[in-house]
Amino acid sequence: MRNAMLVIHADWDSEAGCWYATSDDIPGLATGADTIEDLIERLMVIVPELVELNEIPVDKHVSFELLARRRAIADAAA
């Protein structure tokens, strides 16, 4: 069984106005949502399904780490 943490990357798509998630550890994972909270809710459903479909060996629970990145530009103080 696998006890290792699965790593998921989330990035903000400023053109689409949503978060999207991908993972090298979970083949086929490509999903998006308007908020990071909604993305996490989707991942809680999708990740176990993809783990099973890809026959990734895991224990009773599927552990994953979400690494989120969003770029922003702020105006300098006057």
Protein backbone atom coordinates (compact mmCIF):
# COMPACT_ATOMS: atom_id res chain seq x y z
CA MET A 1 0.00 0.00 0.00
CA ARG A 2 1.06 3.55 -0.64
CA ASN A 3 1.38 5.93 2.28
CA ALA A 4 3.00 8.70 0.25
CA MET A 5 1.27 12.04 -0.17
CA LEU A 6 -0.08 12.66 -3.67
CA VAL A 7 0.83 16.14 -4.90
CA ILE A 8 -1.66 18.30 -6.77
CA HIS A 9 -0.81 21.67 -8.30
CA ALA A 10 -3.43 24.42 -8.49
CA ASP A 11 -2.93 27.55 -10.53
CA TRP A 12 -5.09 30.60 -11.10
CA ASP A 13 -6.08 31.18 -14.74
CA SER A 14 -6.66 34.93 -14.89
CA GLU A 15 -8.11 34.77 -18.42
CA ALA A 16 -10.71 32.13 -17.48
CA GLY A 17 -11.15 33.50 -13.95
CA CYS A 18 -10.85 30.14 -12.23
CA TRP A 19 -8.51 27.76 -10.45
CA TYR A 20 -7.37 24.63 -12.24
CA ALA A 21 -5.66 21.54 -10.84
CA THR A 22 -3.31 18.97 -12.35
CA SER A 23 -1.01 16.30 -10.95
CA ASP A 24 1.92 14.21 -12.13
CA ASP A 25 0.95 11.67 -9.43
CA ILE A 26 -2.65 11.21 -10.64
CA PRO A 27 -2.99 10.55 -14.39
CA GLY A 28 -6.05 12.19 -15.90
CA LEU A 29 -6.50 14.82 -13.22
CA ALA A 30 -7.55 18.08 -14.84
CA THR A 31 -10.33 20.02 -13.19
CA GLY A 32 -11.22 23.57 -12.31
CA ALA A 33 -13.46 25.69 -10.10
CA ASP A 34 -14.24 29.34 -9.42
CA THR A 35 -12.78 29.31 -5.89
CA ILE A 36 -10.02 27.34 -4.19
CA GLU A 37 -12.61 26.05 -1.71
CA ASP A 38 -14.78 24.73 -4.54
CA LEU A 39 -11.71 23.19 -6.14
CA ILE A 40 -10.90 21.32 -2.93
CA GLU A 41 -14.48 20.02 -2.75
CA ARG A 42 -14.19 18.72 -6.31
CA LEU A 43 -10.82 17.13 -5.59
CA MET A 44 -12.27 15.29 -2.56
CA VAL A 45 -14.56 13.46 -5.01
CA ILE A 46 -12.40 13.21 -8.14
CA VAL A 47 -9.08 12.16 -6.57
CA PRO A 48 -10.33 8.89 -5.01
CA GLU A 49 -12.11 8.01 -8.26
CA LEU A 50 -8.97 8.59 -10.35
CA VAL A 51 -6.81 6.73 -7.85
CA GLU A 52 -9.09 3.72 -8.23
CA LEU A 53 -9.29 4.00 -12.04
CA ASN A 54 -5.51 4.28 -12.33
CA GLU A 55 -5.03 1.43 -9.84
CA ILE A 56 -2.77 3.55 -7.65
CA PRO A 57 -2.15 1.53 -4.48
CA VAL A 58 -3.28 3.38 -1.37
CA ASP A 59 -4.30 2.57 2.17
CA LYS A 60 -7.81 3.12 3.47
CA HIS A 61 -7.56 6.86 2.83
CA VAL A 62 -6.19 8.88 -0.09
CA SER A 63 -3.87 11.65 1.11
CA PHE A 64 -3.08 14.59 -1.11
CA GLU A 65 -1.34 17.92 -0.80
CA LEU A 66 -2.65 20.90 -2.77
CA LEU A 67 0.02 23.40 -3.78
CA ALA A 68 -1.72 26.58 -4.92
CA ARG A 69 -0.12 29.44 -6.81
CA ARG A 70 -1.61 32.75 -7.87
CA ARG A 71 0.29 35.71 -9.25
CA ALA A 72 -0.77 39.27 -8.46
CA ILE A 73 0.47 42.78 -9.12
CA ALA A 74 -0.10 45.49 -6.53
CA ASP A 75 0.35 49.21 -7.04
CA ALA A 76 3.29 50.71 -5.18
CA ALA A 77 2.53 53.03 -2.28
CA ALA A 78 2.51 56.66 -3.30
